[in-house]
Amino acid sequence: MTENELILNQDKKRFELEVEGKTAFIEYILSNENIIFLTHTEVPRELEGKGAGSAIVSKTLDYIKEKGYTLAPLCPFVASYVKRHPERKEILAKGYNV
C-alpha cells in the first residue's frame, strides 16, 4: 500500500487512508439501494490539523461518485465537508441535504 491511497476495508466496513504511518478511517453502511451511509470519521490525534480528515473525505466522495453510489452523510464531519464544497452535493442521496 502506498501512502495516501484510499483503501476499502470491507471486513471492517470502512474506508482507510494511511498518512505518516497512521490510519484515518470513515465507517460506512452500504444499502441495497446503492446508498452509502458515512457514519463516523476518525483521524488519529497525530494527524489532526494536517488535512488527513479532508483528504479521506475527498477521496471517499470520489470513490462514491466513480461507483455510481449516492451519499447519506450521517457523520457531522462529512456533512460539514460537503457543505463547504457545494460541488459535492451532486452525489447526495434523495432526501438528504447539508
PDB file of N, CA and C in Angstrom:
ATOM      1  N   MET A   1       0.847  -1.187   0.000  1.00  0.00           N
ATOM      2  CA  MET A   1       0.000   0.000   0.000  1.00  0.00           C
ATOM      3  C   MET A   1       0.883   1.237   0.000  1.00  0.00           C
ATOM      4  N   THR A   2       0.580   2.169  -0.878  1.00  0.00           N
ATOM      5  CA  THR A   2       1.323   3.422  -0.881  1.00  0.00           C
ATOM      6  C   THR A   2       0.599   4.432  -0.007  1.00  0.00           C
ATOM      7  N   GLU A   3       1.354   5.337   0.557  1.00  0.00           N
ATOM      8  CA  GLU A   3       0.766   6.346   1.426  1.00  0.00           C
ATOM      9  C   GLU A   3      -0.233   7.195   0.634  1.00  0.00           C
ATOM     10  N   ASN A   4      -1.306   7.541   1.277  1.00  0.00           N
ATOM     11  CA  ASN A   4      -2.370   8.375   0.708  1.00  0.00           C
ATOM     12  C   ASN A   4      -3.254   7.649  -0.298  1.00  0.00           C
ATOM     13  N   GLU A   5      -3.164   6.344  -0.390  1.00  0.00           N
ATOM     14  CA  GLU A   5      -4.059   5.568  -1.243  1.00  0.00           C
ATOM     15  C   GLU A   5      -5.284   5.173  -0.422  1.00  0.00           C
ATOM     16  N   LEU A   6      -6.463   5.469  -0.938  1.00  0.00           N
ATOM     17  CA  LEU A   6      -7.695   5.100  -0.249  1.00  0.00           C
ATOM     18  C   LEU A   6      -7.892   3.596  -0.330  1.00  0.00           C
ATOM     19  N   ILE A   7      -8.145   2.982   0.801  1.00  0.00           N
ATOM     20  CA  ILE A   7      -8.372   1.537   0.877  1.00  0.00           C
ATOM     21  C   ILE A   7      -9.806   1.280   1.312  1.00  0.00           C
ATOM     22  N   LEU A   8     -10.486   0.408   0.609  1.00  0.00           N
ATOM     23  CA  LEU A   8     -11.820  -0.025   1.013  1.00  0.00           C
ATOM     24  C   LEU A   8     -11.646  -1.303   1.822  1.00  0.00           C
ATOM     25  N   ASN A   9     -11.819  -1.201   3.131  1.00  0.00           N
ATOM     26  CA  ASN A   9     -11.690  -2.355   4.020  1.00  0.00           C
ATOM     27  C   ASN A   9     -13.092  -2.908   4.261  1.00  0.00           C
ATOM     28  N   GLN A  10     -13.488  -3.880   3.428  1.00  0.00           N
ATOM     29  CA  GLN A  10     -14.850  -4.404   3.501  1.00  0.00           C
ATOM     30  C   GLN A  10     -15.083  -5.216   4.771  1.00  0.00           C
ATOM     31  N   ASP A  11     -14.042  -5.852   5.300  1.00  0.00           N
ATOM     32  CA  ASP A  11     -14.199  -6.616   6.539  1.00  0.00           C
ATOM     33  C   ASP A  11     -14.610  -5.719   7.705  1.00  0.00           C
ATOM     34  N   LYS A  12     -14.000  -4.537   7.785  1.00  0.00           N
ATOM     35  CA  LYS A  12     -14.310  -3.600   8.872  1.00  0.00           C
ATOM     36  C   LYS A  12     -15.374  -2.580   8.468  1.00  0.00           C
ATOM     37  N   LYS A  13     -15.821  -2.643   7.215  1.00  0.00           N
ATOM     38  CA  LYS A  13     -16.812  -1.706   6.674  1.00  0.00           C
ATOM     39  C   LYS A  13     -16.368  -0.256   6.882  1.00  0.00           C
ATOM     40  N   ARG A  14     -15.179   0.023   6.338  1.00  0.00           N
ATOM     41  CA  ARG A  14     -14.665   1.387   6.439  1.00  0.00           C
ATOM     42  C   ARG A  14     -13.686   1.682   5.308  1.00  0.00           C
ATOM     43  N   PHE A  15     -13.574   2.966   5.010  1.00  0.00           N
ATOM     44  CA  PHE A  15     -12.559   3.466   4.095  1.00  0.00           C
ATOM     45  C   PHE A  15     -11.372   3.868   4.960  1.00  0.00           C
ATOM     46  N   GLU A  16     -10.162   3.571   4.483  1.00  0.00           N
ATOM     47  CA  GLU A  16      -8.967   3.873   5.266  1.00  0.00           C
ATOM     48  C   GLU A  16      -7.977   4.661   4.420  1.00  0.00           C
ATOM     49  N   LEU A  17      -7.236   5.535   5.098  1.00  0.00           N
ATOM     50  CA  LEU A  17      -6.198   6.320   4.447  1.00  0.00           C
ATOM     51  C   LEU A  17      -5.005   6.359   5.394  1.00  0.00           C
ATOM     52  N   GLU A  18      -3.877   5.846   4.922  1.00  0.00           N
ATOM     53  CA  GLU A  18      -2.668   5.870   5.738  1.00  0.00           C
ATOM     54  C   GLU A  18      -1.882   7.130   5.446  1.00  0.00           C
ATOM     55  N   VAL A  19      -1.544   7.848   6.513  1.00  0.00           N
ATOM     56  CA  VAL A  19      -0.755   9.071   6.412  1.00  0.00           C
ATOM     57  C   VAL A  19       0.279   9.037   7.534  1.00  0.00           C
ATOM     58  N   GLU A  20       1.537   9.189   7.174  1.00  0.00           N
ATOM     59  CA  GLU A  20       2.626   9.203   8.157  1.00  0.00           C
ATOM     60  C   GLU A  20       2.573   7.986   9.086  1.00  0.00           C
ATOM     61  N   GLY A  21       2.239   6.843   8.540  1.00  0.00           N
ATOM     62  CA  GLY A  21       2.214   5.615   9.321  1.00  0.00           C
ATOM     63  C   GLY A  21       1.002   5.443  10.224  1.00  0.00           C
ATOM     64  N   LYS A  22       0.058   6.376  10.162  1.00  0.00           N
ATOM     65  CA  LYS A  22      -1.174   6.316  10.957  1.00  0.00           C
ATOM     66  C   LYS A  22      -2.355   6.145  10.004  1.00  0.00           C
ATOM     67  N   THR A  23      -3.449   5.574  10.515  1.00  0.00           N
ATOM     68  CA  THR A  23      -4.600   5.311   9.661  1.00  0.00           C
ATOM     69  C   THR A  23      -5.814   6.116  10.104  1.00  0.00           C
ATOM     70  N   ALA A  24      -6.299   6.952   9.191  1.00  0.00           N
ATOM     71  CA  ALA A  24      -7.578   7.640   9.363  1.00  0.00           C
ATOM     72  C   ALA A  24      -8.631   6.759   8.699  1.00  0.00           C
ATOM     73  N   PHE A  25      -9.871   6.819   9.191  1.00  0.00           N
ATOM     74  CA  PHE A  25     -10.901   5.992   8.561  1.00  0.00           C
ATOM     75  C   PHE A  25     -12.277   6.627   8.643  1.00  0.00           C
ATOM     76  N   ILE A  26     -13.146   6.173   7.727  1.00  0.00           N
ATOM     77  CA  ILE A  26     -14.558   6.546   7.706  1.00  0.00           C
ATOM     78  C   ILE A  26     -15.352   5.253   7.671  1.00  0.00           C
ATOM     79  N   GLU A  27     -16.221   5.058   8.650  1.00  0.00           N
ATOM     80  CA  GLU A  27     -17.078   3.877   8.681  1.00  0.00           C
ATOM     81  C   GLU A  27     -18.278   4.110   7.771  1.00  0.00           C
ATOM     82  N   TYR A  28     -18.735   3.027   7.132  1.00  0.00           N
ATOM     83  CA  TYR A  28     -19.848   3.156   6.191  1.00  0.00           C
ATOM     84  C   TYR A  28     -20.814   1.988   6.307  1.00  0.00           C
ATOM     85  N   ILE A  29     -22.005   2.220   5.784  1.00  0.00           N
ATOM     86  CA  ILE A  29     -23.010   1.171   5.585  1.00  0.00           C
ATOM     87  C   ILE A  29     -23.483   1.331   4.148  1.00  0.00           C
ATOM     88  N   LEU A  30     -23.485   0.232   3.383  1.00  0.00           N
ATOM     89  CA  LEU A  30     -23.969   0.266   2.001  1.00  0.00           C
ATOM     90  C   LEU A  30     -25.347  -0.373   1.962  1.00  0.00           C
ATOM     91  N   SER A  31     -26.338   0.388   1.512  1.00  0.00           N
ATOM     92  CA  SER A  31     -27.715  -0.118   1.459  1.00  0.00           C
ATOM     93  C   SER A  31     -27.961  -0.887   0.160  1.00  0.00           C
ATOM     94  N   ASN A  32     -29.074  -1.590   0.114  1.00  0.00           N
ATOM     95  CA  ASN A  32     -29.478  -2.313  -1.097  1.00  0.00           C
ATOM     96  C   ASN A  32     -29.804  -1.365  -2.241  1.00  0.00           C
ATOM     97  N   GLU A  33     -30.078  -0.098  -1.918  1.00  0.00           N
ATOM     98  CA  GLU A  33     -30.404   0.902  -2.942  1.00  0.00           C
ATOM     99  C   GLU A  33     -29.160   1.655  -3.425  1.00  0.00           C
ATOM    100  N   ASN A  34     -27.958   1.116  -3.132  1.00  0.00           N
ATOM    101  CA  ASN A  34     -26.695   1.749  -3.521  1.00  0.00           C
ATOM    102  C   ASN A  34     -26.490   3.128  -2.899  1.00  0.00           C
ATOM    103  N   ILE A  35     -26.995   3.293  -1.689  1.00  0.00           N
ATOM    104  CA  ILE A  35     -26.723   4.492  -0.904  1.00  0.00           C
ATOM    105  C   ILE A  35     -25.628   4.132   0.098  1.00  0.00           C
ATOM    106  N   ILE A  36     -24.585   4.944   0.145  1.00  0.00           N
ATOM    107  CA  ILE A  36     -23.541   4.743   1.150  1.00  0.00           C
ATOM    108  C   ILE A  36     -23.787   5.734   2.285  1.00  0.00           C
ATOM    109  N   PHE A  37     -24.027   5.193   3.455  1.00  0.00           N
ATOM    110  CA  PHE A  37     -24.184   5.983   4.667  1.00  0.00           C
ATOM    111  C   PHE A  37     -22.807   6.092   5.312  1.00  0.00           C
ATOM    112  N   LEU A  38     -22.258   7.296   5.361  1.00  0.00           N
ATOM    113  CA  LEU A  38     -20.981   7.506   6.052  1.00  0.00           C
ATOM    114  C   LEU A  38     -21.332   7.902   7.482  1.00  0.00           C
ATOM    115  N   THR A  39     -20.959   7.039   8.432  1.00  0.00           N
ATOM    116  CA  THR A  39     -21.469   7.175   9.790  1.00  0.00           C
ATOM    117  C   THR A  39     -20.486   7.770  10.790  1.00  0.00           C
ATOM    118  N   HIS A  40     -19.188   7.617  10.550  1.00  0.00           N
ATOM    119  CA  HIS A  40     -18.213   8.076  11.544  1.00  0.00           C
ATOM    120  C   HIS A  40     -16.854   8.249  10.886  1.00  0.00           C
ATOM    121  N   THR A  41     -16.205   9.369  11.174  1.00  0.00           N
ATOM    122  CA  THR A  41     -14.847   9.628  10.691  1.00  0.00           C
ATOM    123  C   THR A  41     -13.929   9.715  11.898  1.00  0.00           C
ATOM    124  N   GLU A  42     -12.778   9.079  11.784  1.00  0.00           N
ATOM    125  CA  GLU A  42     -11.804   9.146  12.870  1.00  0.00           C
ATOM    126  C   GLU A  42     -10.419   9.408  12.301  1.00  0.00           C
ATOM    127  N   VAL A  43      -9.751  10.419  12.871  1.00  0.00           N
ATOM    128  CA  VAL A  43      -8.406  10.792  12.459  1.00  0.00           C
ATOM    129  C   VAL A  43      -7.510  10.699  13.699  1.00  0.00           C
ATOM    130  N   PRO A  44      -6.409   9.954  13.611  1.00  0.00           N
ATOM    131  CA  PRO A  44      -5.509   9.876  14.761  1.00  0.00           C
ATOM    132  C   PRO A  44      -5.055  11.268  15.211  1.00  0.00           C
ATOM    133  N   ARG A  45      -4.908  11.416  16.508  1.00  0.00           N
ATOM    134  CA  ARG A  45      -4.522  12.711  17.085  1.00  0.00           C
ATOM    135  C   ARG A  45      -3.268  13.276  16.422  1.00  0.00           C
ATOM    136  N   GLU A  46      -2.320  12.408  16.071  1.00  0.00           N
ATOM    137  CA  GLU A  46      -1.064  12.869  15.472  1.00  0.00           C
ATOM    138  C   GLU A  46      -1.283  13.514  14.100  1.00  0.00           C
ATOM    139  N   LEU A  47      -2.414  13.237  13.478  1.00  0.00           N
ATOM    140  CA  LEU A  47      -2.689  13.769  12.135  1.00  0.00           C
ATOM    141  C   LEU A  47      -3.633  14.969  12.152  1.00  0.00           C
ATOM    142  N   GLU A  48      -4.165  15.305  13.308  1.00  0.00           N
ATOM    143  CA  GLU A  48      -5.111  16.426  13.377  1.00  0.00           C
ATOM    144  C   GLU A  48      -4.441  17.709  12.906  1.00  0.00           C
ATOM    145  N   GLY A  49      -5.168  18.469  12.097  1.00  0.00           N
ATOM    146  CA  GLY A  49      -4.657  19.735  11.581  1.00  0.00           C
ATOM    147  C   GLY A  49      -3.729  19.602  10.388  1.00  0.00           C
ATOM    148  N   LYS A  50      -3.541  18.393   9.884  1.00  0.00           N
ATOM    149  CA  LYS A  50      -2.641  18.172   8.748  1.00  0.00           C
ATOM    150  C   LYS A  50      -3.395  17.878   7.459  1.00  0.00           C
ATOM    151  N   GLY A  51      -4.723  17.975   7.482  1.00  0.00           N
ATOM    152  CA  GLY A  51      -5.506  17.752   6.272  1.00  0.00           C
ATOM    153  C   GLY A  51      -5.892  16.311   6.004  1.00  0.00           C
ATOM    154  N   ALA A  52      -5.579  15.410   6.932  1.00  0.00           N
ATOM    155  CA  ALA A  52      -5.899  13.995   6.714  1.00  0.00           C
ATOM    156  C   ALA A  52      -7.408  13.763   6.672  1.00  0.00           C
ATOM    157  N   GLY A  53      -8.157  14.464   7.528  1.00  0.00           N
ATOM    158  CA  GLY A  53      -9.609  14.308   7.546  1.00  0.00           C
ATOM    159  C   GLY A  53     -10.231  14.743   6.230  1.00  0.00           C
ATOM    160  N   SER A  54      -9.842  15.908   5.759  1.00  0.00           N
ATOM    161  CA  SER A  54     -10.368  16.395   4.480  1.00  0.00           C
ATOM    162  C   SER A  54      -9.941  15.488   3.330  1.00  0.00           C
ATOM    163  N   ALA A  55      -8.716  14.978   3.391  1.00  0.00           N
ATOM    164  CA  ALA A  55      -8.219  14.112   2.317  1.00  0.00           C
ATOM    165  C   ALA A  55      -9.025  12.817   2.241  1.00  0.00           C
ATOM    166  N   ILE A  56      -9.299  12.195   3.386  1.00  0.00           N
ATOM    167  CA  ILE A  56     -10.034  10.935   3.337  1.00  0.00           C
ATOM    168  C   ILE A  56     -11.477  11.164   2.907  1.00  0.00           C
ATOM    169  N   VAL A  57     -12.076  12.275   3.323  1.00  0.00           N
ATOM    170  CA  VAL A  57     -13.448  12.558   2.881  1.00  0.00           C
ATOM    171  C   VAL A  57     -13.462  12.789   1.372  1.00  0.00           C
ATOM    172  N   SER A  58     -12.547  13.591   0.864  1.00  0.00           N
ATOM    173  CA  SER A  58     -12.490  13.877  -0.564  1.00  0.00           C
ATOM    174  C   SER A  58     -12.307  12.594  -1.379  1.00  0.00           C
ATOM    175  N   LYS A  59     -11.379  11.749  -0.971  1.00  0.00           N
ATOM    176  CA  LYS A  59     -11.120  10.508  -1.703  1.00  0.00           C
ATOM    177  C   LYS A  59     -12.314   9.553  -1.614  1.00  0.00           C
ATOM    178  N   THR A  60     -12.975   9.529  -0.460  1.00  0.00           N
ATOM    179  CA  THR A  60     -14.151   8.674  -0.305  1.00  0.00           C
ATOM    180  C   THR A  60     -15.290   9.163  -1.193  1.00  0.00           C
ATOM    181  N   LEU A  61     -15.496  10.467  -1.253  1.00  0.00           N
ATOM    182  CA  LEU A  61     -16.552  11.013  -2.115  1.00  0.00           C
ATOM    183  C   LEU A  61     -16.239  10.741  -3.588  1.00  0.00           C
ATOM    184  N   ASP A  62     -14.969  10.813  -3.967  1.00  0.00           N
ATOM    185  CA  ASP A  62     -14.582  10.455  -5.340  1.00  0.00           C
ATOM    186  C   ASP A  62     -14.949   9.005  -5.632  1.00  0.00           C
ATOM    187  N   TYR A  63     -14.661   8.113  -4.690  1.00  0.00           N
ATOM    188  CA  TYR A  63     -14.980   6.689  -4.849  1.00  0.00           C
ATOM    189  C   TYR A  63     -16.486   6.502  -5.026  1.00  0.00           C
ATOM    190  N   ILE A  64     -17.272   7.163  -4.178  1.00  0.00           N
ATOM    191  CA  ILE A  64     -18.731   7.047  -4.242  1.00  0.00           C
ATOM    192  C   ILE A  64     -19.238   7.482  -5.615  1.00  0.00           C
ATOM    193  N   LYS A  65     -18.723   8.599  -6.101  1.00  0.00           N
ATOM    194  CA  LYS A  65     -19.143   9.105  -7.412  1.00  0.00           C
ATOM    195  C   LYS A  65     -18.727   8.141  -8.525  1.00  0.00           C
ATOM    196  N   GLU A  66     -17.484   7.662  -8.480  1.00  0.00           N
ATOM    197  CA  GLU A  66     -16.981   6.747  -9.513  1.00  0.00           C
ATOM    198  C   GLU A  66     -17.803   5.463  -9.594  1.00  0.00           C
ATOM    199  N   LYS A  67     -18.264   4.973  -8.460  1.00  0.00           N
ATOM    200  CA  LYS A  67     -19.027   3.725  -8.413  1.00  0.00           C
ATOM    201  C   LYS A  67     -20.519   3.930  -8.689  1.00  0.00           C
ATOM    202  N   GLY A  68     -20.947   5.188  -8.816  1.00  0.00           N
ATOM    203  CA  GLY A  68     -22.355   5.465  -9.106  1.00  0.00           C
ATOM    204  C   GLY A  68     -23.265   5.346  -7.899  1.00  0.00           C
ATOM    205  N   TYR A  69     -22.686   5.394  -6.703  1.00  0.00           N
ATOM    206  CA  TYR A  69     -23.484   5.365  -5.477  1.00  0.00           C
ATOM    207  C   TYR A  69     -23.971   6.773  -5.159  1.00  0.00           C
ATOM    208  N   THR A  70     -24.873   6.857  -4.197  1.00  0.00           N
ATOM    209  CA  THR A  70     -25.254   8.159  -3.667  1.00  0.00           C
ATOM    210  C   THR A  70     -24.888   8.192  -2.187  1.00  0.00           C
ATOM    211  N   LEU A  71     -24.818   9.400  -1.642  1.00  0.00           N
ATOM    212  CA  LEU A  71     -24.280   9.626  -0.304  1.00  0.00           C
ATOM    213  C   LEU A  71     -25.352  10.031   0.695  1.00  0.00           C
ATOM    214  N   ALA A  72     -25.307   9.402   1.858  1.00  0.00           N
ATOM    215  CA  ALA A  72     -26.090   9.832   3.015  1.00  0.00           C
ATOM    216  C   ALA A  72     -25.068  10.203   4.095  1.00  0.00           C
ATOM    217  N   PRO A  73     -24.789  11.510   4.262  1.00  0.00           N
ATOM    218  CA  PRO A  73     -23.729  11.944   5.173  1.00  0.00           C
ATOM    219  C   PRO A  73     -24.215  12.029   6.629  1.00  0.00           C
ATOM    220  N   LEU A  74     -24.211  10.906   7.332  1.00  0.00           N
ATOM    221  CA  LEU A  74     -24.651  10.894   8.720  1.00  0.00           C
ATOM    222  C   LEU A  74     -23.573  11.404   9.666  1.00  0.00           C
ATOM    223  N   CYS A  75     -22.329  11.314   9.263  1.00  0.00           N
ATOM    224  CA  CYS A  75     -21.214  11.810  10.066  1.00  0.00           C
ATOM    225  C   CYS A  75     -21.157  13.337   9.961  1.00  0.00           C
ATOM    226  N   PRO A  76     -21.143  14.048  11.099  1.00  0.00           N
ATOM    227  CA  PRO A  76     -21.097  15.516  11.054  1.00  0.00           C
ATOM    228  C   PRO A  76     -19.876  16.069  10.315  1.00  0.00           C
ATOM    229  N   PHE A  77     -18.735  15.393  10.403  1.00  0.00           N
ATOM    230  CA  PHE A  77     -17.529  15.866   9.712  1.00  0.00           C
ATOM    231  C   PHE A  77     -17.717  15.792   8.202  1.00  0.00           C
ATOM    232  N   VAL A  78     -18.290  14.697   7.720  1.00  0.00           N
ATOM    233  CA  VAL A  78     -18.545  14.538   6.282  1.00  0.00           C
ATOM    234  C   VAL A  78     -19.576  15.567   5.820  1.00  0.00           C
ATOM    235  N   ALA A  79     -20.643  15.735   6.589  1.00  0.00           N
ATOM    236  CA  ALA A  79     -21.683  16.713   6.230  1.00  0.00           C
ATOM    237  C   ALA A  79     -21.092  18.115   6.150  1.00  0.00           C
ATOM    238  N   SER A  80     -20.239  18.457   7.097  1.00  0.00           N
ATOM    239  CA  SER A  80     -19.589  19.770   7.105  1.00  0.00           C
ATOM    240  C   SER A  80     -18.697  19.948   5.877  1.00  0.00           C
ATOM    241  N   TYR A  81     -17.987  18.897   5.498  1.00  0.00           N
ATOM    242  CA  TYR A  81     -17.132  18.950   4.311  1.00  0.00           C
ATOM    243  C   TYR A  81     -17.967  19.214   3.064  1.00  0.00           C
ATOM    244  N   VAL A  82     -19.056  18.484   2.926  1.00  0.00           N
ATOM    245  CA  VAL A  82     -19.921  18.652   1.749  1.00  0.00           C
ATOM    246  C   VAL A  82     -20.517  20.060   1.729  1.00  0.00           C
ATOM    247  N   LYS A  83     -20.862  20.563   2.887  1.00  0.00           N
ATOM    248  CA  LYS A  83     -21.421  21.922   2.965  1.00  0.00           C
ATOM    249  C   LYS A  83     -20.396  22.960   2.496  1.00  0.00           C
ATOM    250  N   ARG A  84     -19.124  22.749   2.835  1.00  0.00           N
ATOM    251  CA  ARG A  84     -18.057  23.673   2.422  1.00  0.00           C
ATOM    252  C   ARG A  84     -17.659  23.499   0.961  1.00  0.00           C
ATOM    253  N   HIS A  85     -18.037  22.365   0.364  1.00  0.00           N
ATOM    254  CA  HIS A  85     -17.707  22.064  -1.035  1.00  0.00           C
ATOM    255  C   HIS A  85     -19.003  21.732  -1.775  1.00  0.00           C
ATOM    256  N   PRO A  86     -19.795  22.749  -2.108  1.00  0.00           N
ATOM    257  CA  PRO A  86     -21.122  22.515  -2.690  1.00  0.00           C
ATOM    258  C   PRO A  86     -21.117  21.698  -3.980  1.00  0.00           C
ATOM    259  N   GLU A  87     -19.997  21.664  -4.685  1.00  0.00           N
ATOM    260  CA  GLU A  87     -19.924  20.849  -5.901  1.00  0.00           C
ATOM    261  C   GLU A  87     -20.078  19.360  -5.575  1.00  0.00           C
ATOM    262  N   ARG A  88     -19.874  18.985  -4.324  1.00  0.00           N
ATOM    263  CA  ARG A  88     -20.012  17.590  -3.894  1.00  0.00           C
ATOM    264  C   ARG A  88     -21.470  17.196  -3.634  1.00  0.00           C
ATOM    265  N   LYS A  89     -22.359  18.174  -3.575  1.00  0.00           N
ATOM    266  CA  LYS A  89     -23.764  17.876  -3.276  1.00  0.00           C
ATOM    267  C   LYS A  89     -24.444  17.047  -4.361  1.00  0.00           C
ATOM    268  N   GLU A  90     -23.837  16.984  -5.536  1.00  0.00           N
ATOM    269  CA  GLU A  90     -24.444  16.245  -6.646  1.00  0.00           C
ATOM    270  C   GLU A  90     -24.599  14.753  -6.352  1.00  0.00           C
ATOM    271  N   ILE A  91     -23.827  14.225  -5.406  1.00  0.00           N
ATOM    272  CA  ILE A  91     -23.926  12.796  -5.103  1.00  0.00           C
ATOM    273  C   ILE A  91     -24.818  12.508  -3.897  1.00  0.00           C
ATOM    274  N   LEU A  92     -25.430  13.534  -3.326  1.00  0.00           N
ATOM    275  CA  LEU A  92     -26.300  13.308  -2.170  1.00  0.00           C
ATOM    276  C   LEU A  92     -27.493  12.437  -2.554  1.00  0.00           C
ATOM    277  N   ALA A  93     -27.828  11.509  -1.703  1.00  0.00           N
ATOM    278  CA  ALA A  93     -28.997  10.646  -1.920  1.00  0.00           C
ATOM    279  C   ALA A  93     -30.273  11.483  -1.802  1.00  0.00           C
ATOM    280  N   LYS A  94     -31.295  11.051  -2.483  1.00  0.00           N
ATOM    281  CA  LYS A  94     -32.572  11.745  -2.446  1.00  0.00           C
ATOM    282  C   LYS A  94     -33.052  11.885  -0.991  1.00  0.00           C
ATOM    283  N   GLY A  95     -33.452  13.116  -0.632  1.00  0.00           N
ATOM    284  CA  GLY A  95     -33.940  13.368   0.715  1.00  0.00           C
ATOM    285  C   GLY A  95     -32.873  13.826   1.691  1.00  0.00           C
ATOM    286  N   TYR A  96     -31.603  13.861   1.255  1.00  0.00           N
ATOM    287  CA  TYR A  96     -30.521  14.303   2.137  1.00  0.00           C
ATOM    288  C   TYR A  96     -30.022  15.659   1.702  1.00  0.00           C
ATOM    289  N   ASN A  97     -29.693  16.476   2.696  1.00  0.00           N
ATOM    290  CA  ASN A  97     -29.158  17.805   2.446  1.00  0.00           C
ATOM    291  C   ASN A  97     -28.159  18.102   3.552  1.00  0.00           C
ATOM    292  N   VAL A  98     -27.333  19.105   3.344  1.00  0.00           N
ATOM    293  CA  VAL A  98     -26.372  19.523   4.372  1.00  0.00           C
ATOM    294  C   VAL A  98     -26.475  21.005   4.613  1.00  0.00           C
TER     295      VAL A  98
END
